[in-house]
């Protein structure tokens, strides 16, 4: 069906920047939307940013103005540019998409395994 592989996580100092990547592969017919979610220690998984095939973006209030999600239609790869990082941004970041694969005739959600982002001095 569809596989998502995240990369780009790591350790960064407060105020620094990091760029996450998520590559979708498999028998993809169409990706309706892609997004990033995160889960901090002791907290529930939350939406960070999403983008639809049409280019409509949605951001969590906590990251608005600091994070930017890219379009993905050119190569089925979505990026999350994270600037002005704060310690509270520390979390495992998960890639998500809603896609229709060649093997099924309906759209469904897929998740990556996550990449850890640690913001610390």
Protein backbone atom coordinates (compact mmCIF):
# COMPACT_ATOMS: atom_id res chain seq x y z
CA UNK A 1 0.00 0.00 0.00
CA UNK A 2 1.71 3.17 1.21
CA UNK A 3 4.79 3.54 3.36
CA UNK A 4 5.98 6.73 5.04
CA UNK A 5 9.56 7.25 6.13
CA UNK A 6 10.53 10.28 8.20
CA UNK A 7 14.00 11.72 8.51
CA UNK A 8 15.74 14.84 9.72
CA UNK A 9 15.19 14.61 13.44
CA UNK A 10 17.95 15.23 15.92
CA UNK A 11 19.29 17.52 18.60
CA UNK A 12 19.07 21.26 18.11
CA UNK A 13 19.60 24.24 20.39
CA UNK A 14 16.75 26.58 21.35
CA UNK A 15 16.26 29.16 18.64
CA UNK A 16 17.70 26.86 16.03
CA UNK A 17 16.15 25.30 12.97
CA UNK A 18 15.50 21.82 11.71
CA UNK A 19 13.93 20.43 8.57
CA UNK A 20 12.01 17.17 8.66
CA UNK A 21 11.32 15.07 5.60
CA UNK A 22 8.69 12.44 4.93
CA UNK A 23 8.81 10.36 1.79
CA UNK A 24 5.77 8.39 0.71
CA UNK A 25 6.29 5.29 -1.37
CA UNK A 26 4.43 2.24 -2.56
CA UNK A 27 1.54 1.69 -4.91
CA UNK A 28 0.27 5.24 -4.63
CA UNK A 29 -2.59 6.39 -6.79
CA UNK A 30 -3.26 9.68 -5.07
CA UNK A 31 -2.32 11.36 -1.81
CA UNK A 32 -5.19 13.52 -0.62
CA UNK A 33 -3.32 15.17 2.22
CA UNK A 34 -0.14 14.93 4.25
CA UNK A 35 0.73 16.22 7.65
CA UNK A 36 2.91 16.18 10.70
CA UNK A 37 1.91 15.26 14.22
CA UNK A 38 3.98 15.11 17.36
CA UNK A 39 3.89 13.45 20.73
CA UNK A 40 5.85 14.87 23.63
CA UNK A 41 6.67 12.84 26.74
CA UNK A 42 3.58 12.43 28.88
CA UNK A 43 1.31 14.15 26.37
CA UNK A 44 -1.17 13.10 23.71
CA UNK A 45 -0.29 13.12 20.06
CA UNK A 46 -1.23 16.45 18.52
CA UNK A 47 -1.51 17.96 15.10
CA UNK A 48 1.38 20.16 14.03
CA UNK A 49 0.64 20.96 10.41
CA UNK A 50 -1.26 19.52 7.47
CA UNK A 51 -1.56 20.29 3.80
CA UNK A 52 -4.09 19.07 1.26
CA UNK A 53 -3.54 18.20 -2.36
CA UNK A 54 -5.06 21.56 -3.20
CA UNK A 55 -2.52 23.36 -1.04
CA UNK A 56 -4.66 24.26 1.95
CA UNK A 57 -2.50 24.43 5.08
CA UNK A 58 -3.45 24.03 8.70
CA UNK A 59 -1.15 24.74 11.66
CA UNK A 60 -1.37 24.31 15.37
CA UNK A 61 -1.46 27.66 17.13
CA UNK A 62 1.69 26.75 19.02
CA UNK A 63 3.77 26.51 15.85
CA UNK A 64 2.11 29.08 13.63
CA UNK A 65 4.64 31.55 12.33
CA UNK A 66 7.56 29.28 13.18
CA UNK A 67 6.88 26.10 11.21
CA UNK A 68 6.14 25.72 7.52
CA UNK A 69 4.81 22.63 5.77
CA UNK A 70 5.63 22.11 2.11
CA UNK A 71 3.59 20.90 -0.81
CA UNK A 72 4.17 17.28 -1.75
CA UNK A 73 2.56 16.73 -5.13
CA UNK A 74 5.78 16.93 -7.12
CA UNK A 75 7.53 13.96 -5.53
CA UNK A 76 5.29 12.61 -2.75
CA UNK A 77 7.62 14.08 -0.17
CA UNK A 78 6.51 16.56 2.47
CA UNK A 79 8.83 18.73 4.52
CA UNK A 80 8.39 20.52 7.80
CA UNK A 81 10.67 23.51 8.21
CA UNK A 82 10.96 24.30 11.90
CA UNK A 83 12.44 27.62 12.93
CA UNK A 84 12.85 29.35 16.29
CA UNK A 85 12.64 26.01 18.03
CA UNK A 86 11.74 25.90 21.70
CA UNK A 87 12.35 23.21 24.32
CA UNK A 88 8.60 22.53 24.34
CA UNK A 89 8.87 21.46 20.70
CA UNK A 90 10.72 18.37 21.86
CA UNK A 91 8.73 15.36 20.72
CA UNK A 92 8.58 12.44 18.38
CA UNK A 93 7.30 13.80 15.10
CA UNK A 94 5.13 11.54 12.99
CA UNK A 95 4.27 11.85 9.33
CA UNK A 96 0.73 11.09 8.25
CA UNK A 97 -1.12 10.93 4.98
CA UNK A 98 -4.51 10.12 3.58
CA UNK A 99 -3.98 8.26 0.36
CA UNK A 100 -5.59 6.00 -2.17
CA UNK A 101 -3.30 3.23 -3.32
CA UNK A 102 -3.42 1.22 -6.51
CA UNK A 103 -4.27 -1.84 -4.44
CA UNK A 104 -7.41 -0.43 -2.81
CA UNK A 105 -10.23 1.67 -4.17
CA UNK A 106 -10.66 3.99 -1.21
CA UNK A 107 -8.53 6.40 0.74
CA UNK A 108 -7.12 5.54 4.14
CA UNK A 109 -4.68 6.92 6.66
CA UNK A 110 -1.06 5.89 6.95
CA UNK A 111 1.54 6.71 9.57
CA UNK A 112 5.30 6.82 9.66
CA UNK A 113 7.26 5.43 12.58
CA UNK A 114 8.38 8.85 13.77
CA UNK A 115 11.56 10.83 14.14
CA UNK A 116 12.77 12.32 17.42
CA UNK A 117 13.35 16.05 17.73
CA UNK A 118 15.11 17.24 20.86
CA UNK A 119 15.46 20.95 21.55
CA UNK A 120 17.96 21.53 24.32
CA UNK A 121 21.08 23.46 25.21
